[in-house]
N, C-alpha and C. Protein backbone atom coordinates (compact mmCIF):
# COMPACT_ATOMS: atom_id res chain seq x y z
N MET A 1 2.33 -112.70 126.23
CA MET A 1 3.12 -113.67 125.81
C MET A 1 4.15 -113.41 125.55
N ILE A 2 5.59 -114.84 125.65
CA ILE A 2 6.68 -114.67 124.93
C ILE A 2 6.51 -114.65 123.27
N LYS A 3 7.18 -114.26 122.16
CA LYS A 3 6.95 -114.59 121.32
C LYS A 3 8.32 -114.80 120.70
N SER A 4 8.78 -116.10 120.61
CA SER A 4 9.91 -116.45 119.82
C SER A 4 9.89 -117.77 118.80
N PRO A 5 10.60 -117.41 118.26
CA PRO A 5 10.93 -118.54 116.81
C PRO A 5 11.66 -120.15 117.46
N LYS A 6 12.19 -119.45 118.79
CA LYS A 6 13.08 -120.70 119.53
C LYS A 6 11.91 -121.74 119.80
N SER A 7 13.05 -122.47 120.06
CA SER A 7 12.42 -123.88 121.33
C SER A 7 11.03 -123.11 121.74
N ARG A 8 9.65 -124.04 121.65
CA ARG A 8 9.11 -123.44 123.08
C ARG A 8 8.40 -124.37 124.02
N LYS A 9 9.78 -124.69 124.56
CA LYS A 9 10.14 -125.48 125.81
C LYS A 9 10.93 -125.11 126.48
N TYR A 10 10.81 -124.66 128.34
CA TYR A 10 11.64 -123.92 128.97
C TYR A 10 11.61 -124.72 130.01
N ILE A 11 12.62 -124.93 131.19
CA ILE A 11 13.27 -124.78 132.48
C ILE A 11 13.63 -123.90 133.37
N LEU A 12 12.33 -124.06 134.31
CA LEU A 12 12.97 -123.23 135.35
C LEU A 12 13.02 -123.11 136.52
N LYS A 13 13.92 -122.61 137.43
CA LYS A 13 14.16 -123.04 138.93
C LYS A 13 12.92 -121.90 139.44
N LEU A 14 12.97 -122.75 140.68
CA LEU A 14 11.30 -122.05 141.57
C LEU A 14 12.17 -122.64 143.03
N CYS A 15 12.38 -121.63 143.80
CA CYS A 15 12.65 -121.84 145.40
C CYS A 15 11.50 -121.75 146.16
N MET A 16 11.12 -122.40 146.94
CA MET A 16 10.65 -122.51 147.95
C MET A 16 10.92 -122.08 149.33
N LEU A 17 10.45 -120.94 149.48
CA LEU A 17 11.13 -120.43 151.66
C LEU A 17 9.87 -120.11 152.62
N GLY A 18 10.83 -119.96 153.38
CA GLY A 18 9.71 -119.69 154.77
C GLY A 18 10.66 -120.40 155.46
N ASP A 19 9.99 -120.67 156.84
CA ASP A 19 10.26 -121.30 158.20
C ASP A 19 10.19 -122.24 158.20
N GLY A 20 10.37 -123.32 158.89
CA GLY A 20 10.49 -124.92 159.00
C GLY A 20 8.69 -124.73 159.30
N GLY A 21 8.01 -126.07 158.95
CA GLY A 21 6.77 -125.90 159.01
C GLY A 21 5.71 -125.37 158.88
N VAL A 22 5.79 -124.53 157.39
CA VAL A 22 4.81 -123.53 157.40
C VAL A 22 4.20 -124.24 156.54
N GLY A 23 4.69 -125.27 155.63
CA GLY A 23 3.51 -126.12 154.55
C GLY A 23 4.82 -126.02 153.18
N LYS A 24 6.18 -125.84 152.92
CA LYS A 24 6.55 -126.29 151.90
C LYS A 24 6.27 -127.21 151.09
N SER A 25 6.65 -128.25 152.20
CA SER A 25 7.18 -129.74 151.29
C SER A 25 5.84 -129.68 151.00
N THR A 26 4.84 -129.89 151.91
CA THR A 26 3.28 -129.98 151.63
C THR A 26 2.58 -129.69 149.89
N PHE A 27 2.97 -128.40 149.91
CA PHE A 27 2.63 -127.65 148.95
C PHE A 27 3.37 -128.23 147.51
N VAL A 28 4.43 -128.59 147.70
CA VAL A 28 5.43 -129.15 147.12
C VAL A 28 4.78 -130.91 146.24
N GLU A 29 4.45 -131.11 147.66
CA GLU A 29 3.90 -132.53 146.95
C GLU A 29 2.49 -132.27 146.40
N ARG A 30 1.64 -131.32 146.97
CA ARG A 30 0.37 -131.27 146.28
C ARG A 30 0.83 -131.38 144.54
N LEU A 31 1.57 -130.12 144.34
CA LEU A 31 1.78 -129.84 143.22
C LEU A 31 2.22 -130.55 142.32
N ALA A 32 3.21 -132.02 142.52
CA ALA A 32 4.26 -132.89 142.19
C ALA A 32 2.79 -134.03 141.53
N THR A 33 2.21 -134.47 142.73
CA THR A 33 1.36 -135.65 143.23
C THR A 33 0.11 -135.67 142.90
N GLY A 34 -0.49 -134.08 143.10
CA GLY A 34 -2.27 -133.84 143.22
C GLY A 34 -2.95 -134.53 144.65
N ARG A 35 -2.10 -134.65 145.72
CA ARG A 35 -2.32 -134.83 146.89
C ARG A 35 -1.57 -134.83 148.21
N PHE A 36 -3.00 -134.67 149.09
CA PHE A 36 -2.56 -134.01 150.28
C PHE A 36 -1.34 -135.15 151.39
N ASN A 37 -0.22 -135.20 152.02
CA ASN A 37 0.48 -135.76 152.74
C ASN A 37 1.02 -134.99 154.20
N ASN A 38 0.10 -135.88 154.97
CA ASN A 38 -0.17 -134.92 156.47
C ASN A 38 1.28 -135.67 157.03
N ALA A 39 2.10 -136.19 156.78
CA ALA A 39 2.93 -137.02 157.28
C ALA A 39 4.92 -136.52 156.56
N THR A 40 4.28 -134.84 156.01
CA THR A 40 5.72 -135.08 155.29
C THR A 40 6.84 -134.65 156.71
N LYS A 41 8.12 -134.61 156.43
CA LYS A 41 9.30 -134.50 157.42
C LYS A 41 9.65 -133.59 157.01
N MET A 42 10.54 -132.85 158.24
CA MET A 42 11.28 -131.86 158.32
C MET A 42 12.25 -131.63 156.85
N THR A 43 12.69 -131.04 156.10
CA THR A 43 13.35 -131.01 155.13
C THR A 43 15.10 -130.76 155.63
N ILE A 44 15.55 -131.14 155.46
CA ILE A 44 16.92 -131.18 155.97
C ILE A 44 18.12 -131.02 154.59
N GLY A 45 18.01 -129.25 154.80
CA GLY A 45 18.58 -128.70 153.37
C GLY A 45 17.88 -128.35 152.67
N ILE A 46 17.76 -129.25 151.42
CA ILE A 46 17.30 -128.93 150.63
C ILE A 46 16.32 -130.31 150.16
N ASP A 47 15.17 -130.17 148.66
CA ASP A 47 14.58 -131.11 148.33
C ASP A 47 14.35 -130.59 147.48
N PHE A 48 13.90 -131.96 146.19
CA PHE A 48 14.18 -130.93 145.28
C PHE A 48 12.48 -132.11 144.17
N GLN A 49 11.58 -131.67 143.31
CA GLN A 49 11.01 -132.27 142.25
C GLN A 49 10.82 -131.23 141.28
N LEU A 50 10.35 -132.28 140.23
CA LEU A 50 10.23 -131.49 138.89
C LEU A 50 8.45 -131.23 138.35
N ILE A 51 8.21 -130.34 138.14
CA ILE A 51 6.71 -130.42 137.85
C ILE A 51 6.57 -129.87 136.05
N HIS A 52 6.16 -130.83 135.37
CA HIS A 52 5.54 -130.83 134.32
C HIS A 52 4.17 -129.53 134.01
N LEU A 53 4.12 -128.31 133.16
CA LEU A 53 3.34 -127.49 132.69
C LEU A 53 3.29 -127.59 131.59
N VAL A 54 2.01 -127.28 131.08
CA VAL A 54 1.40 -126.83 129.58
C VAL A 54 0.65 -125.59 129.53
N LEU A 55 1.49 -124.48 128.99
CA LEU A 55 0.73 -123.41 129.24
C LEU A 55 0.67 -122.87 127.61
N ASP A 56 -1.05 -122.31 127.81
CA ASP A 56 -1.00 -122.24 126.81
C ASP A 56 -1.58 -120.57 126.55
N ASP A 57 -0.73 -119.88 125.16
CA ASP A 57 -1.13 -118.85 125.32
C ASP A 57 -2.29 -118.16 124.22
N ASP A 58 -2.78 -119.19 123.26
CA ASP A 58 -4.14 -118.79 122.32
C ASP A 58 -3.19 -118.49 121.12
N LYS A 59 -2.21 -117.84 121.02
CA LYS A 59 -1.65 -117.38 119.74
C LYS A 59 -0.66 -118.21 119.08
N GLU A 60 0.12 -119.39 119.71
CA GLU A 60 1.08 -120.01 119.32
C GLU A 60 0.68 -121.27 119.83
N GLU A 61 1.54 -122.42 119.79
CA GLU A 61 1.70 -123.51 120.29
C GLU A 61 1.73 -123.75 121.94
N PRO A 62 1.42 -124.62 122.48
CA PRO A 62 1.21 -124.40 124.10
C PRO A 62 3.21 -124.29 124.31
N ILE A 63 3.46 -123.40 125.83
CA ILE A 63 4.78 -123.72 125.65
C ILE A 63 4.42 -124.77 126.89
N LYS A 64 5.91 -125.83 126.40
CA LYS A 64 6.30 -126.74 127.63
C LYS A 64 7.15 -126.33 128.92
N VAL A 65 6.63 -126.45 129.83
CA VAL A 65 7.44 -125.55 130.99
C VAL A 65 8.03 -127.05 131.97
N ASP A 66 9.60 -127.14 132.23
CA ASP A 66 9.61 -127.88 133.61
C ASP A 66 9.80 -126.85 134.27
N VAL A 67 9.55 -127.28 135.60
CA VAL A 67 9.68 -126.14 136.99
C VAL A 67 10.64 -127.22 137.88
N ALA A 68 11.26 -127.11 137.66
CA ALA A 68 12.43 -127.68 139.21
C ALA A 68 12.21 -127.07 140.09
N VAL A 69 11.87 -127.26 141.33
CA VAL A 69 11.21 -126.97 142.54
C VAL A 69 12.50 -127.18 143.58
N TRP A 70 12.86 -126.52 144.18
CA TRP A 70 13.69 -126.19 145.30
C TRP A 70 13.23 -126.10 146.68
N ASP A 71 13.29 -127.17 147.15
CA ASP A 71 12.16 -126.89 148.36
C ASP A 71 13.23 -126.70 149.70
N LEU A 72 13.64 -125.84 150.14
CA LEU A 72 14.26 -125.21 151.23
C LEU A 72 14.47 -125.71 152.51
N GLY A 73 15.15 -125.59 153.30
CA GLY A 73 14.92 -126.76 154.62
C GLY A 73 15.02 -125.09 155.00
N GLY A 74 13.87 -124.71 156.10
CA GLY A 74 13.42 -123.42 156.84
C GLY A 74 14.09 -123.37 158.55
N GLU A 75 14.70 -124.05 158.31
CA GLU A 75 15.08 -124.19 159.87
C GLU A 75 16.49 -123.18 160.03
N SER A 76 17.03 -122.72 161.04
CA SER A 76 17.72 -121.81 161.12
C SER A 76 19.04 -122.11 160.66
N GLN A 77 19.64 -122.79 161.34
CA GLN A 77 20.27 -123.28 161.12
C GLN A 77 20.88 -124.17 159.54
N PHE A 78 20.12 -124.04 158.74
CA PHE A 78 20.00 -124.30 157.34
C PHE A 78 20.64 -123.25 156.47
N ARG A 79 20.26 -121.82 156.92
CA ARG A 79 19.99 -120.54 156.25
C ARG A 79 21.47 -120.30 155.47
N PHE A 80 22.77 -120.55 156.35
CA PHE A 80 23.95 -120.47 155.97
C PHE A 80 24.39 -121.06 153.86
N ILE A 81 23.15 -122.17 153.49
CA ILE A 81 23.52 -122.08 152.31
C ILE A 81 22.83 -122.17 151.05
N LEU A 82 21.60 -121.20 152.18
CA LEU A 82 20.64 -120.25 151.28
C LEU A 82 21.24 -119.97 149.99
N PRO A 83 22.68 -119.22 150.16
CA PRO A 83 22.68 -118.08 149.13
C PRO A 83 22.78 -119.09 147.77
N HIS A 84 23.99 -120.37 148.09
CA HIS A 84 24.26 -121.56 147.02
C HIS A 84 23.11 -121.97 146.06
N TYR A 85 22.02 -121.99 147.07
CA TYR A 85 21.09 -123.27 146.38
C TYR A 85 20.23 -121.81 145.50
N ILE A 86 20.36 -120.56 146.08
CA ILE A 86 18.70 -119.34 145.69
C ILE A 86 19.67 -118.93 143.89
N THR A 87 20.76 -118.99 144.42
CA THR A 87 21.52 -118.15 142.96
C THR A 87 21.55 -118.95 141.68
N GLY A 88 20.57 -117.91 140.72
CA GLY A 88 20.31 -118.49 139.55
C GLY A 88 18.84 -118.76 139.52
N ALA A 89 18.49 -119.20 140.81
CA ALA A 89 16.67 -119.02 140.64
C ALA A 89 15.57 -117.76 139.62
N ASP A 90 14.66 -118.65 139.16
CA ASP A 90 13.99 -117.59 138.29
C ASP A 90 12.54 -117.16 138.64
N GLY A 91 12.44 -117.29 140.54
CA GLY A 91 11.38 -116.86 141.12
C GLY A 91 11.22 -117.91 142.32
N ALA A 92 10.23 -117.33 143.52
CA ALA A 92 10.46 -118.23 144.44
C ALA A 92 8.62 -117.91 145.45
N LEU A 93 8.89 -118.69 145.74
CA LEU A 93 7.26 -118.58 146.54
C LEU A 93 7.71 -118.71 148.32
N LEU A 94 7.36 -117.31 148.72
CA LEU A 94 7.59 -116.81 150.34
C LEU A 94 6.29 -117.40 151.13
N LEU A 95 6.59 -118.75 151.95
CA LEU A 95 5.40 -119.08 152.75
C LEU A 95 5.22 -118.58 153.82
N PHE A 96 4.34 -118.22 154.85
CA PHE A 96 3.85 -118.48 155.99
C PHE A 96 2.38 -119.16 156.29
N ASP A 97 2.63 -119.92 157.21
CA ASP A 97 1.31 -119.99 157.82
C ASP A 97 0.34 -119.37 158.59
N LEU A 98 -0.99 -119.55 157.58
CA LEU A 98 -1.97 -118.37 158.62
C LEU A 98 -2.63 -119.15 159.64
N SER A 99 -2.35 -120.37 160.11
CA SER A 99 -2.48 -120.56 161.46
C SER A 99 -1.62 -120.50 162.77
N ARG A 100 -0.31 -120.10 162.12
CA ARG A 100 1.06 -119.72 163.02
C ARG A 100 1.48 -118.37 162.96
N ILE A 101 0.30 -117.52 163.33
CA ILE A 101 1.16 -116.17 162.63
C ILE A 101 2.82 -115.56 163.18
N ARG A 102 3.41 -116.22 163.95
CA ARG A 102 4.50 -115.78 164.66
C ARG A 102 5.68 -116.35 163.21
N THR A 103 4.89 -117.17 162.22
CA THR A 103 5.75 -117.44 160.93
C THR A 103 5.99 -116.22 160.25
N ILE A 104 5.33 -115.25 160.45
CA ILE A 104 5.92 -113.83 159.54
C ILE A 104 6.87 -113.38 160.21
N ASP A 105 7.33 -113.42 161.25
CA ASP A 105 8.68 -112.66 161.79
C ASP A 105 9.30 -112.58 161.09
N ASN A 106 9.80 -114.11 160.58
CA ASN A 106 11.22 -113.82 159.64
C ASN A 106 11.42 -114.06 157.94
N LEU A 107 10.12 -113.50 157.80
CA LEU A 107 9.92 -113.33 156.24
C LEU A 107 10.95 -111.86 155.50
N SER A 108 11.03 -110.63 156.19
CA SER A 108 11.82 -109.83 155.98
C SER A 108 13.73 -110.20 156.18
N GLU A 109 14.00 -111.66 156.78
CA GLU A 109 15.22 -112.13 156.52
C GLU A 109 15.51 -113.29 155.00
N TRP A 110 14.04 -113.67 154.63
CA TRP A 110 13.83 -114.41 153.65
C TRP A 110 13.83 -113.60 152.52
N VAL A 111 13.12 -112.59 152.56
CA VAL A 111 13.09 -111.78 151.65
C VAL A 111 14.91 -110.77 151.07
N SER A 112 15.05 -110.34 152.37
CA SER A 112 16.28 -110.00 152.26
C SER A 112 17.46 -111.21 151.79
N ILE A 113 17.70 -112.32 151.85
CA ILE A 113 18.47 -113.25 151.50
C ILE A 113 18.17 -113.72 150.11
N TRP A 114 16.83 -113.46 149.41
CA TRP A 114 16.60 -113.90 148.22
C TRP A 114 17.08 -112.77 147.38
N LYS A 115 16.77 -111.38 147.90
CA LYS A 115 17.06 -110.12 147.22
C LYS A 115 18.70 -110.21 146.95
N GLN A 116 19.52 -110.44 148.04
CA GLN A 116 21.05 -110.40 147.66
C GLN A 116 21.67 -111.66 146.81
N ASN A 117 21.08 -112.49 146.54
CA ASN A 117 21.38 -113.40 145.53
C ASN A 117 20.79 -113.64 144.37
N THR A 118 19.26 -112.91 143.86
CA THR A 118 18.84 -112.81 142.56
C THR A 118 19.22 -111.26 141.94
N HIS A 119 18.56 -111.50 140.78
CA HIS A 119 18.11 -110.24 139.70
C HIS A 119 17.40 -109.73 140.89
N LYS A 120 17.72 -108.69 140.27
CA LYS A 120 16.46 -107.03 141.08
C LYS A 120 15.22 -108.01 139.84
N ASN A 121 14.05 -107.83 141.08
CA ASN A 121 12.97 -107.84 140.25
C ASN A 121 12.46 -109.23 140.24
N THR A 122 13.10 -110.55 140.61
CA THR A 122 13.03 -111.76 139.88
C THR A 122 11.70 -111.79 140.63
N PRO A 123 10.51 -112.86 140.26
CA PRO A 123 9.62 -112.69 140.96
C PRO A 123 9.49 -113.65 142.29
N LEU A 124 8.92 -112.97 143.25
CA LEU A 124 8.61 -113.56 144.21
C LEU A 124 7.10 -113.06 144.78
N TYR A 125 6.34 -114.22 145.17
CA TYR A 125 5.23 -114.44 145.41
C TYR A 125 4.73 -114.47 147.15
N LEU A 126 4.18 -114.16 148.10
CA LEU A 126 3.77 -114.05 148.99
C LEU A 126 2.92 -115.18 149.31
N ILE A 127 3.33 -116.30 149.56
CA ILE A 127 1.73 -117.07 149.84
C ILE A 127 1.52 -117.86 151.49
N GLY A 128 0.38 -117.10 151.65
CA GLY A 128 -0.56 -117.57 153.04
C GLY A 128 -0.62 -119.17 152.96
N ALA A 129 -0.36 -119.71 153.59
CA ALA A 129 -0.43 -121.85 153.30
C ALA A 129 -1.21 -122.28 154.58
N LYS A 130 -2.18 -123.15 154.28
CA LYS A 130 -3.08 -123.72 155.72
C LYS A 130 -3.91 -122.70 155.70
N HIS A 131 -4.97 -122.41 154.24
CA HIS A 131 -6.10 -121.90 154.51
C HIS A 131 -7.51 -122.21 155.02
N ASP A 132 -6.92 -123.36 155.08
CA ASP A 132 -8.15 -124.76 155.33
C ASP A 132 -8.41 -124.67 156.87
N THR A 133 -7.35 -124.12 157.85
CA THR A 133 -6.99 -123.90 158.82
C THR A 133 -7.58 -122.57 159.92
N LEU A 134 -7.92 -121.56 158.88
CA LEU A 134 -8.11 -119.90 159.06
C LEU A 134 -9.58 -120.36 159.66
N ASN A 135 -9.48 -119.32 160.55
CA ASN A 135 -10.99 -118.95 161.05
C ASN A 135 -11.69 -118.12 160.80
N GLU A 136 -12.65 -118.10 160.20
CA GLU A 136 -13.73 -117.25 159.49
C GLU A 136 -13.90 -115.56 160.15
N HIS A 137 -13.41 -115.79 161.36
CA HIS A 137 -13.44 -114.30 161.78
C HIS A 137 -12.15 -113.41 161.67
N PHE A 138 -10.99 -114.26 161.14
CA PHE A 138 -10.18 -113.20 161.13
C PHE A 138 -10.14 -113.28 160.36
N LYS A 139 -10.71 -113.47 158.81
CA LYS A 139 -10.39 -113.08 157.12
C LYS A 139 -10.40 -111.59 156.84
N PRO A 140 -11.46 -110.72 157.38
CA PRO A 140 -11.43 -109.36 157.12
C PRO A 140 -10.17 -108.93 158.11
N ILE A 141 -9.77 -109.06 158.94
CA ILE A 141 -8.74 -108.61 159.78
C ILE A 141 -7.24 -109.31 158.76
N LEU A 142 -7.30 -110.28 158.15
CA LEU A 142 -6.08 -110.63 157.50
C LEU A 142 -5.37 -110.04 156.35
N ASP A 143 -7.07 -110.21 155.47
CA ASP A 143 -7.20 -109.10 154.28
C ASP A 143 -5.82 -107.62 154.53
N SER A 144 -6.54 -106.57 155.47
CA SER A 144 -5.79 -105.97 155.51
C SER A 144 -4.46 -106.27 156.26
N ASN A 145 -3.95 -106.98 156.98
CA ASN A 145 -2.47 -107.04 157.30
C ASN A 145 -1.57 -108.19 156.03
N ILE A 146 -2.57 -108.38 154.98
CA ILE A 146 -1.37 -108.97 153.89
C ILE A 146 -0.82 -107.87 153.27
N GLN A 147 -2.11 -106.94 152.86
CA GLN A 147 -1.81 -105.67 152.27
C GLN A 147 -0.51 -104.86 152.93
N ASP A 148 -0.52 -104.49 154.30
CA ASP A 148 0.48 -104.01 154.45
C ASP A 148 2.03 -105.10 154.80
N LEU A 149 1.80 -105.80 154.94
CA LEU A 149 2.84 -107.22 154.69
C LEU A 149 3.55 -106.95 153.42
N LYS A 150 2.53 -107.03 152.19
CA LYS A 150 3.35 -106.85 151.32
C LYS A 150 4.07 -105.80 150.51
N THR A 151 3.68 -104.73 151.11
CA THR A 151 3.86 -103.33 151.06
C THR A 151 5.56 -103.45 151.98
N LYS A 152 5.47 -103.86 153.29
CA LYS A 152 6.56 -103.91 153.86
C LYS A 152 7.52 -104.81 153.28
N LEU A 153 7.06 -105.46 152.45
CA LEU A 153 8.41 -106.29 152.04
C LEU A 153 8.68 -106.52 150.37
N GLU A 154 7.71 -105.46 150.23
CA GLU A 154 7.78 -105.22 148.42
C GLU A 154 7.69 -106.30 147.80
N ILE A 155 6.13 -106.62 147.70
CA ILE A 155 5.97 -108.19 147.25
C ILE A 155 4.61 -107.73 146.53
N SER A 156 4.54 -107.95 145.25
CA SER A 156 3.24 -106.81 144.81
C SER A 156 2.45 -108.49 144.69
N LYS A 157 2.35 -109.57 144.67
CA LYS A 157 1.19 -110.76 144.52
C LYS A 157 1.54 -111.64 145.57
N HIS A 158 -0.16 -112.02 145.85
CA HIS A 158 0.07 -113.27 146.90
C HIS A 158 -1.38 -113.81 147.07
N TYR A 159 -1.34 -114.85 147.64
CA TYR A 159 -2.28 -115.62 147.31
C TYR A 159 -2.37 -116.93 148.74
N LEU A 160 -3.50 -117.19 148.82
CA LEU A 160 -4.08 -118.23 150.00
C LEU A 160 -4.55 -119.07 149.73
N THR A 161 -3.65 -120.17 150.12
CA THR A 161 -3.57 -121.86 149.71
C THR A 161 -3.66 -122.94 150.52
N SER A 162 -3.96 -123.61 150.27
CA SER A 162 -4.06 -124.98 151.43
C SER A 162 -3.84 -126.58 150.22
N SER A 163 -2.66 -126.88 150.50
CA SER A 163 -2.41 -128.11 150.00
C SER A 163 -3.46 -128.98 150.74
N LYS A 164 -4.12 -129.23 151.60
CA LYS A 164 -4.62 -129.90 152.14
C LYS A 164 -5.99 -129.93 151.16
N THR A 165 -6.30 -128.80 150.87
CA THR A 165 -7.48 -129.10 149.93
C THR A 165 -7.34 -128.75 148.56
N GLY A 166 -6.33 -128.16 148.08
CA GLY A 166 -5.74 -128.02 147.12
C GLY A 166 -6.05 -126.73 146.56
N THR A 167 -6.44 -125.89 147.31
CA THR A 167 -6.95 -124.21 146.83
C THR A 167 -6.06 -123.56 146.48
N MET A 168 -6.09 -123.16 145.47
CA MET A 168 -5.54 -121.95 144.51
C MET A 168 -3.81 -122.71 144.40
N VAL A 169 -3.44 -123.33 144.62
CA VAL A 169 -1.95 -124.31 144.37
C VAL A 169 -1.65 -124.58 142.76
N ASN A 170 -2.76 -125.05 141.80
CA ASN A 170 -2.34 -124.66 140.35
C ASN A 170 -2.44 -123.57 140.01
N GLU A 171 -3.16 -122.43 140.66
CA GLU A 171 -3.10 -121.29 140.43
C GLU A 171 -2.05 -120.22 140.57
N VAL A 172 -1.39 -120.68 141.60
CA VAL A 172 0.14 -120.16 141.83
C VAL A 172 1.13 -120.33 140.67
N ILE A 173 1.31 -122.23 140.94
CA ILE A 173 2.69 -122.39 139.83
C ILE A 173 2.27 -121.98 138.36
N THR A 174 0.74 -121.62 137.65
CA THR A 174 0.87 -121.64 136.42
C THR A 174 0.99 -119.92 136.40
N SER A 175 0.27 -119.21 137.47
CA SER A 175 1.07 -117.89 137.52
C SER A 175 2.37 -117.54 137.73
N MET A 176 3.13 -118.17 138.55
CA MET A 176 4.49 -118.03 138.68
C MET A 176 5.42 -118.34 137.63
N ALA A 177 5.05 -119.36 136.54
CA ALA A 177 5.07 -119.93 135.46
C ALA A 177 5.36 -118.97 134.77
N LYS A 178 4.20 -118.47 134.36
CA LYS A 178 4.34 -117.62 132.78
C LYS A 178 4.98 -115.61 133.45
N ASP A 179 5.06 -115.53 135.29
CA ASP A 179 5.98 -114.61 135.63
C ASP A 179 7.09 -114.54 135.32
N MET A 180 7.82 -116.29 136.04
CA MET A 180 8.84 -116.16 135.65
C MET A 180 9.34 -116.67 134.10
N LEU A 181 8.62 -117.05 133.23
CA LEU A 181 9.09 -116.79 131.52
C LEU A 181 9.19 -115.32 130.77
N GLU A 182 8.67 -114.93 131.60
CA GLU A 182 8.13 -113.16 131.37
C GLU A 182 9.80 -112.57 131.79
N PHE A 183 9.87 -112.70 132.77
CA PHE A 183 11.09 -111.96 133.75
C PHE A 183 12.70 -112.77 132.71
N LYS A 184 12.29 -114.08 132.50
CA LYS A 184 13.51 -114.72 132.39
C LYS A 184 13.62 -114.23 130.53
N SER A 185 12.52 -113.86 130.02
CA SER A 185 12.74 -113.06 128.42
C SER A 185 13.40 -111.60 128.72
N LYS A 186 12.88 -110.86 129.89
CA LYS A 186 13.28 -109.52 129.84
C LYS A 186 14.80 -109.33 130.05
N ILE A 187 15.24 -110.53 130.90
CA ILE A 187 16.80 -110.55 131.17
C ILE A 187 17.41 -110.76 129.92
N ALA A 188 17.52 -111.66 129.30
CA ALA A 188 17.94 -112.27 127.87
C ALA A 188 17.81 -111.38 126.85
N ASN A 189 16.85 -110.12 127.00
CA ASN A 189 16.94 -109.16 125.91
C ASN A 189 17.58 -107.58 126.45
N SER A 190 17.74 -107.71 127.91
CA SER A 190 18.58 -106.75 128.47
C SER A 190 19.89 -106.46 129.18
N SER A 191 20.22 -105.80 129.44
CA SER A 191 21.49 -105.93 130.35
C SER A 191 21.25 -106.08 131.90
N ILE A 192 20.17 -106.91 132.49
CA ILE A 192 19.60 -106.69 133.67
C ILE A 192 20.95 -106.81 134.94
């Protein structure tokens, strides 16, 4: 982990990417409140939440992290403003809906927008949302397709999550916060 004599408190910017209706807002609400809200409305432009984390690295004092989560509207009419919101991000979660496979169709466009407006190798995770809705018979097929999708999109990490049940939501934010801190440290110590 990061060893620094400086402050052990950080502020990070995390963007939520993906088409409308894939579960970005319910994911963010689960993070912020610990609850599931099945009555979320379409995000117009952007919504914002601050998530407070404490990361324990077992070697030093715990690291306090405030993650500013930018929930970006997924509808195509809002895409023109995305570069302005993505600039300066420390990481992103790219969501698709496991119950609506067509939400995979625009993932390449999201990755392209992301890569054009961030430093090379800024952390980006692929998130299959609404895992609780997935038919058990499709899980073996999904595992193979996820690997192919990760290769195509050049994304190394993925998670299957459920905002309804809370499955893997906390693991995602903890892992992402650590990866963002590590990446931020690399940028500070080099000329990326």
